Amino acid sequence: QVQLVESGGGLVQAGGSLRLSCAASRSIDSFTVMEWYRQPPGQQRELVATRGYGGSIYYAVSVRGRFTISEDNAKNTMYLQMNSLKREDTAVYYCTASDDPDARPFWGRGTQVTVSS
């Protein structure tokens, strides 16, 4: 069973930055797809960023130009650098990892990000 642990969330003022981490219990090279999702309060979960096959990167329009996904293979960790944060970025952020397109991805438990005005 793969374990994913998110960290780095917290309270930040609008315009500030945070870096989220997603530590995996095994090599992240083994995952074909890793993603960040978020769930704002009272809303549905939404995709934020994807590291896909061959290292392709996708960002949701709402975060494009502000958020950056990266990885440190030596630490088995994926990051989400979030700059120029807005109140609407307030959410619980989750990371996922997939090694089988026919199976459900692994999910972490999430980390809370709160952006104040």
C-alpha atoms as a PDB file:
ATOM      1  CA  GLN A   1       0.000   0.000   0.000  1.00  0.00           C
ATOM      2  CA  VAL A   2       1.357   3.401  -0.988  1.00  0.00           C
ATOM      3  CA  GLN A   3       1.318   6.199   1.556  1.00  0.00           C
ATOM      4  CA  LEU A   4       1.176   9.834   0.484  1.00  0.00           C
ATOM      5  CA  VAL A   5       1.600  12.538   3.123  1.00  0.00           C
ATOM      6  CA  GLU A   6       0.944  16.186   2.337  1.00  0.00           C
ATOM      7  CA  SER A   7       2.449  19.007   4.374  1.00  0.00           C
ATOM      8  CA  GLY A   8       3.201  22.701   4.119  1.00  0.00           C
ATOM      9  CA  GLY A   9      -0.289  24.101   4.375  1.00  0.00           C
ATOM     10  CA  GLY A  10      -1.205  26.932   6.697  1.00  0.00           C
ATOM     11  CA  LEU A  11      -2.551  30.443   6.970  1.00  0.00           C
ATOM     12  CA  VAL A  12      -1.106  33.065   4.631  1.00  0.00           C
ATOM     13  CA  GLN A  13      -2.111  36.546   3.559  1.00  0.00           C
ATOM     14  CA  ALA A  14      -3.295  37.223   0.032  1.00  0.00           C
ATOM     15  CA  GLY A  15      -0.316  37.774  -2.236  1.00  0.00           C
ATOM     16  CA  GLY A  16       1.855  35.469  -0.195  1.00  0.00           C
ATOM     17  CA  SER A  17       3.400  32.103  -1.008  1.00  0.00           C
ATOM     18  CA  LEU A  18       3.387  28.553   0.286  1.00  0.00           C
ATOM     19  CA  ARG A  19       5.103  25.386  -0.813  1.00  0.00           C
ATOM     20  CA  LEU A  20       3.205  22.150  -0.347  1.00  0.00           C
ATOM     21  CA  SER A  21       4.997  18.824  -0.166  1.00  0.00           C
ATOM     22  CA  CYS A  22       3.732  15.330  -0.925  1.00  0.00           C
ATOM     23  CA  ALA A  23       6.013  12.642   0.458  1.00  0.00           C
ATOM     24  CA  ALA A  24       5.541   9.167  -0.985  1.00  0.00           C
ATOM     25  CA  SER A  25       6.391   5.856   0.661  1.00  0.00           C
ATOM     26  CA  ARG A  26       8.150   4.658  -2.441  1.00  0.00           C
ATOM     27  CA  SER A  27       9.996   6.059  -5.438  1.00  0.00           C
ATOM     28  CA  ILE A  28       7.913   8.634  -7.271  1.00  0.00           C
ATOM     29  CA  ASP A  29       9.570   7.470 -10.476  1.00  0.00           C
ATOM     30  CA  SER A  30       7.269   4.462 -10.226  1.00  0.00           C
ATOM     31  CA  PHE A  31       4.181   6.617 -10.679  1.00  0.00           C
ATOM     32  CA  THR A  32       3.098   7.445 -14.191  1.00  0.00           C
ATOM     33  CA  VAL A  33       0.867  10.288 -13.067  1.00  0.00           C
ATOM     34  CA  MET A  34       0.987  12.487  -9.981  1.00  0.00           C
ATOM     35  CA  GLU A  35      -1.507  15.249  -9.352  1.00  0.00           C
ATOM     36  CA  TRP A  36      -2.590  17.951  -6.952  1.00  0.00           C
ATOM     37  CA  TYR A  37      -6.288  18.441  -6.257  1.00  0.00           C
ATOM     38  CA  ARG A  38      -8.044  20.875  -3.959  1.00  0.00           C
ATOM     39  CA  GLN A  39     -11.444  21.134  -2.339  1.00  0.00           C
ATOM     40  CA  PRO A  40     -12.591  24.632  -1.378  1.00  0.00           C
ATOM     41  CA  PRO A  41     -15.073  24.848   1.501  1.00  0.00           C
ATOM     42  CA  GLY A  42     -18.544  23.825   0.383  1.00  0.00           C
ATOM     43  CA  GLN A  43     -17.374  23.043  -3.134  1.00  0.00           C
ATOM     44  CA  GLN A  44     -16.402  20.007  -5.157  1.00  0.00           C
ATOM     45  CA  ARG A  45     -12.870  18.767  -5.470  1.00  0.00           C
ATOM     46  CA  GLU A  46     -11.006  20.160  -8.484  1.00  0.00           C
ATOM     47  CA  LEU A  47      -7.806  19.359 -10.315  1.00  0.00           C
ATOM     48  CA  VAL A  48      -5.002  21.872  -9.772  1.00  0.00           C
ATOM     49  CA  ALA A  49      -1.950  20.411 -11.493  1.00  0.00           C
ATOM     50  CA  THR A  50      -0.763  17.226 -13.143  1.00  0.00           C
ATOM     51  CA  ARG A  51       2.627  15.676 -13.833  1.00  0.00           C
ATOM     52  CA  GLY A  52       1.775  13.181 -16.496  1.00  0.00           C
ATOM     53  CA  TYR A  53       3.402  10.697 -18.808  1.00  0.00           C
ATOM     54  CA  GLY A  54       6.874  11.664 -19.928  1.00  0.00           C
ATOM     55  CA  GLY A  55       6.944  14.580 -17.539  1.00  0.00           C
ATOM     56  CA  SER A  56       4.171  16.535 -19.201  1.00  0.00           C
ATOM     57  CA  ILE A  57       2.719  19.240 -16.971  1.00  0.00           C
ATOM     58  CA  TYR A  58      -0.820  20.624 -16.833  1.00  0.00           C
ATOM     59  CA  TYR A  59      -2.196  23.452 -14.720  1.00  0.00           C
ATOM     60  CA  ALA A  60      -5.768  24.498 -14.167  1.00  0.00           C
ATOM     61  CA  VAL A  61      -6.478  27.879 -15.712  1.00  0.00           C
ATOM     62  CA  SER A  62      -7.174  29.378 -12.298  1.00  0.00           C
ATOM     63  CA  VAL A  63      -3.604  28.715 -11.088  1.00  0.00           C
ATOM     64  CA  ARG A  64      -1.623  28.970 -14.321  1.00  0.00           C
ATOM     65  CA  GLY A  65       1.327  31.325 -13.952  1.00  0.00           C
ATOM     66  CA  ARG A  66       1.111  31.257 -10.144  1.00  0.00           C
ATOM     67  CA  PHE A  67       1.572  27.600  -9.179  1.00  0.00           C
ATOM     68  CA  THR A  68       4.459  25.325 -10.127  1.00  0.00           C
ATOM     69  CA  ILE A  69       4.676  21.560  -9.722  1.00  0.00           C
ATOM     70  CA  SER A  70       8.062  19.945  -9.203  1.00  0.00           C
ATOM     71  CA  GLU A  71       9.633  16.774  -7.860  1.00  0.00           C
ATOM     72  CA  ASP A  72      12.664  15.639  -5.904  1.00  0.00           C
ATOM     73  CA  ASN A  73      13.212  11.995  -6.795  1.00  0.00           C
ATOM     74  CA  ALA A  74      15.907  11.556  -4.144  1.00  0.00           C
ATOM     75  CA  LYS A  75      13.370  12.508  -1.466  1.00  0.00           C
ATOM     76  CA  ASN A  76      10.399  10.739  -3.094  1.00  0.00           C
ATOM     77  CA  THR A  77       8.578  14.039  -2.831  1.00  0.00           C
ATOM     78  CA  MET A  78       6.404  16.149  -5.122  1.00  0.00           C
ATOM     79  CA  TYR A  79       5.950  19.855  -4.480  1.00  0.00           C
ATOM     80  CA  LEU A  80       3.458  22.538  -5.336  1.00  0.00           C
ATOM     81  CA  GLN A  81       4.880  26.021  -5.153  1.00  0.00           C
ATOM     82  CA  MET A  82       2.038  28.488  -4.794  1.00  0.00           C
ATOM     83  CA  ASN A  83       2.725  32.186  -5.350  1.00  0.00           C
ATOM     84  CA  SER A  84       0.480  35.244  -5.471  1.00  0.00           C
ATOM     85  CA  LEU A  85      -2.123  33.425  -3.413  1.00  0.00           C
ATOM     86  CA  LYS A  86      -5.716  34.591  -3.526  1.00  0.00           C
ATOM     87  CA  ARG A  87      -8.589  34.069  -1.120  1.00  0.00           C
ATOM     88  CA  GLU A  88     -10.166  31.715  -3.633  1.00  0.00           C
ATOM     89  CA  ASP A  89      -7.147  29.413  -3.283  1.00  0.00           C
ATOM     90  CA  THR A  90      -8.385  28.542   0.197  1.00  0.00           C
ATOM     91  CA  ALA A  91      -8.971  24.786   0.203  1.00  0.00           C
ATOM     92  CA  VAL A  92      -7.783  21.423   1.393  1.00  0.00           C
ATOM     93  CA  TYR A  93      -5.047  20.335  -0.994  1.00  0.00           C
ATOM     94  CA  TYR A  94      -4.523  16.662  -1.836  1.00  0.00           C
ATOM     95  CA  CYS A  95      -1.867  14.851  -3.794  1.00  0.00           C
ATOM     96  CA  THR A  96      -2.515  11.684  -5.768  1.00  0.00           C
ATOM     97  CA  ALA A  97      -0.316   9.131  -7.479  1.00  0.00           C
ATOM     98  CA  SER A  98      -1.114   6.499 -10.048  1.00  0.00           C
ATOM     99  CA  ASP A  99       0.866   3.561 -11.366  1.00  0.00           C
ATOM    100  CA  ASP A 100      -1.975   1.789 -13.143  1.00  0.00           C
ATOM    101  CA  PRO A 101      -4.436   3.535 -15.472  1.00  0.00           C
ATOM    102  CA  ASP A 102      -7.028   0.856 -14.697  1.00  0.00           C
ATOM    103  CA  ALA A 103      -6.811   1.306 -10.930  1.00  0.00           C
ATOM    104  CA  ARG A 104      -7.895   4.051  -8.579  1.00  0.00           C
ATOM    105  CA  PRO A 105      -5.061   6.475  -7.752  1.00  0.00           C
ATOM    106  CA  PHE A 106      -3.548   6.650  -4.289  1.00  0.00           C
ATOM    107  CA  TRP A 107      -4.605   9.689  -2.257  1.00  0.00           C
ATOM    108  CA  GLY A 108      -3.114  11.551   0.643  1.00  0.00           C
ATOM    109  CA  ARG A 109      -5.171  12.940   3.506  1.00  0.00           C
ATOM    110  CA  GLY A 110      -4.733  16.542   2.514  1.00  0.00           C
ATOM    111  CA  THR A 111      -3.339  19.742   3.954  1.00  0.00           C
ATOM    112  CA  GLN A 112      -5.335  22.893   4.673  1.00  0.00           C
ATOM    113  CA  VAL A 113      -4.431  26.151   2.944  1.00  0.00           C
ATOM    114  CA  THR A 114      -6.174  29.292   4.129  1.00  0.00           C
ATOM    115  CA  VAL A 115      -5.603  32.624   2.411  1.00  0.00           C
ATOM    116  CA  SER A 116      -6.741  35.715   4.268  1.00  0.00           C
ATOM    117  CA  SER A 117      -7.356  39.141   2.793  1.00  0.00           C
END
